[in-house]
N, C-alpha and C. Protein backbone atom coordinates (compact mmCIF):
# COMPACT_ATOMS: atom_id res chain seq x y z
N MET A 1 8.43 25.56 30.03
CA MET A 1 8.30 25.98 28.76
C MET A 1 8.65 24.53 27.73
N THR A 2 7.75 24.81 27.00
CA THR A 2 7.45 23.34 26.13
C THR A 2 8.09 23.84 24.71
N ASP A 3 8.99 22.74 23.75
CA ASP A 3 9.21 23.08 22.30
C ASP A 3 8.34 22.41 21.92
N SER A 4 7.20 23.11 20.60
CA SER A 4 6.74 22.76 19.95
C SER A 4 7.02 22.22 18.80
N ALA A 5 8.13 22.43 18.64
CA ALA A 5 8.99 22.14 17.30
C ALA A 5 9.23 20.69 17.61
N SER A 6 9.69 19.97 18.79
CA SER A 6 9.42 18.53 19.22
C SER A 6 8.39 17.82 19.07
N GLU A 7 7.02 18.35 19.12
CA GLU A 7 6.04 17.29 19.05
C GLU A 7 5.84 17.18 17.95
N ALA A 8 5.18 15.76 17.97
CA ALA A 8 4.46 15.07 16.46
C ALA A 8 3.66 15.57 16.28
N GLN A 9 3.36 16.16 14.91
CA GLN A 9 2.16 16.66 14.31
C GLN A 9 1.98 15.91 13.27
N PRO A 10 0.42 15.27 12.86
CA PRO A 10 0.03 14.68 11.77
C PRO A 10 0.17 15.82 10.66
N VAL A 11 0.73 15.15 9.67
CA VAL A 11 0.44 15.74 8.22
C VAL A 11 -0.47 15.74 7.16
N GLU A 12 -1.11 16.30 6.96
CA GLU A 12 -2.41 16.45 6.16
C GLU A 12 -1.63 16.63 4.58
N THR A 13 -1.33 15.79 3.77
CA THR A 13 -1.03 15.75 2.06
C THR A 13 -1.96 16.25 1.48
N GLY A 14 -3.41 16.15 1.40
CA GLY A 14 -4.21 16.67 0.62
C GLY A 14 -4.36 15.57 -0.57
N ARG A 15 -3.64 14.67 -0.66
CA ARG A 15 -3.96 13.86 -1.96
C ARG A 15 -4.55 12.73 -1.36
N SER A 16 -5.22 12.11 -2.97
CA SER A 16 -6.49 11.32 -2.53
C SER A 16 -5.59 9.86 -2.49
N PRO A 17 -6.26 9.06 -2.10
CA PRO A 17 -5.86 7.56 -1.62
C PRO A 17 -5.29 6.83 -3.20
N ALA A 18 -4.21 6.26 -3.14
CA ALA A 18 -3.93 5.64 -4.82
C ALA A 18 -4.87 4.63 -5.10
N ILE A 19 -5.06 4.83 -6.57
CA ILE A 19 -5.88 4.36 -7.77
C ILE A 19 -5.15 3.32 -8.02
N GLY A 20 -5.26 2.01 -8.18
CA GLY A 20 -4.47 1.13 -8.94
C GLY A 20 -4.99 -0.36 -9.31
N TYR A 21 -4.24 -1.12 -9.81
CA TYR A 21 -4.97 -2.18 -10.24
C TYR A 21 -4.99 -2.96 -9.21
N CYS A 22 -5.61 -4.03 -8.51
CA CYS A 22 -5.86 -5.08 -7.66
C CYS A 22 -5.68 -6.27 -8.35
N THR A 23 -4.45 -6.76 -8.05
CA THR A 23 -4.25 -8.12 -8.83
C THR A 23 -4.96 -9.41 -7.93
N HIS A 24 -5.89 -9.28 -7.11
CA HIS A 24 -6.59 -10.22 -6.61
C HIS A 24 -7.81 -10.55 -6.98
N HIS A 25 -8.33 -9.14 -7.09
CA HIS A 25 -9.97 -9.27 -7.97
C HIS A 25 -10.05 -8.70 -9.49
N HIS A 26 -8.53 -8.59 -9.96
CA HIS A 26 -8.56 -8.24 -11.17
C HIS A 26 -9.53 -6.97 -11.66
N GLY A 27 -9.47 -5.65 -11.15
CA GLY A 27 -9.93 -4.25 -11.13
C GLY A 27 -9.50 -3.68 -10.66
N TYR A 28 -9.59 -2.28 -11.20
CA TYR A 28 -9.26 -1.10 -10.66
C TYR A 28 -10.09 -0.72 -9.19
N ALA A 29 -9.43 -0.22 -8.62
CA ALA A 29 -9.83 0.09 -6.86
C ALA A 29 -8.99 1.41 -6.29
N GLY A 30 -9.78 1.78 -5.72
CA GLY A 30 -9.08 2.92 -4.63
C GLY A 30 -8.24 2.45 -3.55
N ASP A 31 -7.14 3.06 -3.16
CA ASP A 31 -6.45 2.57 -1.80
C ASP A 31 -5.70 1.33 -1.93
N VAL A 32 -5.31 0.98 -3.15
CA VAL A 32 -4.47 -0.04 -3.38
C VAL A 32 -3.08 0.09 -2.72
N ARG A 33 -2.58 -0.92 -2.30
CA ARG A 33 -1.35 -1.27 -1.59
C ARG A 33 -0.42 -2.26 -2.26
N LEU A 34 0.71 -2.01 -2.19
CA LEU A 34 1.92 -3.49 -2.53
C LEU A 34 2.01 -4.30 -1.56
N ILE A 35 1.55 -5.55 -2.09
CA ILE A 35 1.39 -6.66 -1.31
C ILE A 35 3.19 -7.33 -1.37
N ASP A 36 3.40 -7.68 -2.35
CA ASP A 36 4.65 -8.55 -2.92
C ASP A 36 5.24 -8.12 -4.00
N VAL A 37 6.30 -8.20 -4.01
CA VAL A 37 7.34 -8.35 -5.42
C VAL A 37 7.63 -9.52 -6.00
N VAL A 38 7.49 -9.83 -7.11
CA VAL A 38 7.65 -11.26 -7.56
C VAL A 38 9.25 -11.19 -8.54
N GLU A 39 10.06 -11.77 -7.92
CA GLU A 39 11.50 -11.49 -8.96
C GLU A 39 11.70 -12.44 -9.90
N GLN A 40 11.70 -12.80 -11.24
CA GLN A 40 12.06 -13.68 -12.00
C GLN A 40 13.72 -13.69 -12.36
N GLY A 41 14.36 -14.72 -12.87
CA GLY A 41 15.86 -15.10 -13.11
C GLY A 41 16.03 -14.24 -14.38
N SER A 42 14.90 -14.52 -15.45
CA SER A 42 15.31 -13.93 -16.57
C SER A 42 13.89 -12.87 -16.86
N GLY A 43 14.39 -11.58 -17.62
CA GLY A 43 13.05 -11.00 -17.74
C GLY A 43 12.59 -10.20 -16.63
N PRO A 44 11.32 -9.37 -16.82
CA PRO A 44 11.12 -8.36 -15.73
C PRO A 44 10.09 -9.24 -14.77
N GLY A 45 10.12 -8.89 -13.66
CA GLY A 45 9.18 -9.15 -12.54
C GLY A 45 8.03 -8.38 -12.58
N TYR A 46 7.21 -8.72 -11.38
CA TYR A 46 6.02 -7.99 -11.19
C TYR A 46 5.77 -7.76 -9.76
N ALA A 47 4.71 -7.17 -9.66
CA ALA A 47 4.35 -6.71 -8.06
C ALA A 47 2.86 -7.05 -8.18
N LEU A 48 2.37 -7.53 -6.73
CA LEU A 48 1.03 -7.74 -6.58
C LEU A 48 0.99 -6.65 -5.71
N ARG A 49 -0.69 -5.96 -5.89
CA ARG A 49 -1.23 -5.40 -5.28
C ARG A 49 -2.47 -5.40 -4.81
N ALA A 50 -3.21 -5.19 -3.32
CA ALA A 50 -4.27 -5.55 -3.40
C ALA A 50 -5.11 -4.08 -2.54
N CYS A 51 -6.33 -4.21 -2.95
CA CYS A 51 -7.48 -3.21 -2.62
C CYS A 51 -7.54 -3.32 -1.01
N GLY A 52 -8.30 -2.43 -0.33
CA GLY A 52 -8.73 -2.43 1.23
C GLY A 52 -9.73 -4.07 0.95
N PRO A 53 -10.73 -4.11 0.44
CA PRO A 53 -11.80 -5.31 0.77
C PRO A 53 -10.90 -6.30 0.56
N CYS A 54 -9.80 -6.51 -0.40
CA CYS A 54 -9.34 -7.80 -0.98
C CYS A 54 -8.19 -8.08 0.58
N ARG A 55 -7.39 -7.09 0.75
CA ARG A 55 -6.64 -7.10 2.02
C ARG A 55 -7.22 -7.63 3.14
N ALA A 56 -8.37 -7.40 3.39
CA ALA A 56 -9.03 -7.50 4.60
C ALA A 56 -9.61 -9.16 4.22
N ALA A 57 -10.03 -9.36 3.12
CA ALA A 57 -10.79 -10.86 2.76
C ALA A 57 -9.89 -11.85 2.79
N TYR A 58 -8.07 -11.85 2.12
CA TYR A 58 -7.19 -12.53 2.65
C TYR A 58 -6.43 -12.34 3.27
N ASN A 59 -6.35 -11.31 4.33
CA ASN A 59 -5.92 -11.32 5.32
C ASN A 59 -4.37 -10.84 4.95
N LEU A 60 -4.00 -10.03 3.88
CA LEU A 60 -3.06 -9.46 3.18
C LEU A 60 -2.41 -8.25 4.36
N VAL A 61 -1.14 -8.53 4.09
CA VAL A 61 -0.43 -7.15 5.33
C VAL A 61 0.60 -6.85 3.82
N PRO A 62 0.17 -5.24 3.58
CA PRO A 62 0.98 -4.65 2.93
C PRO A 62 2.22 -4.87 3.35
N LEU A 63 3.21 -4.49 2.04
CA LEU A 63 4.86 -4.79 2.36
C LEU A 63 5.40 -3.86 2.99
N GLY A 64 5.06 -2.61 2.90
CA GLY A 64 5.40 -1.29 3.98
C GLY A 64 4.91 -1.53 5.16
N ASP A 65 4.20 -2.32 5.74
CA ASP A 65 3.61 -2.60 7.18
C ASP A 65 4.43 -3.54 7.70
N ARG A 66 5.06 -4.60 7.03
CA ARG A 66 5.70 -5.78 7.52
C ARG A 66 6.96 -5.54 8.36
N PRO A 67 7.37 -6.02 9.67
CA PRO A 67 8.50 -5.64 10.57
C PRO A 67 9.60 -6.26 9.40
């Protein structure tokens, strides 16, 4: 007898991909992911985000996918 609760099941969230500003091509796009966070000594820092085509073109790895 197998325990179905212990088996991993994919979860459908029903959400659309993130739409945001791509700092690499300077425009809005779908499926934008966080690439890097730049911290500054004084004043606010900023975040670098990239869309799917820019991630592929510039070989960028999202921050959440790094080891």
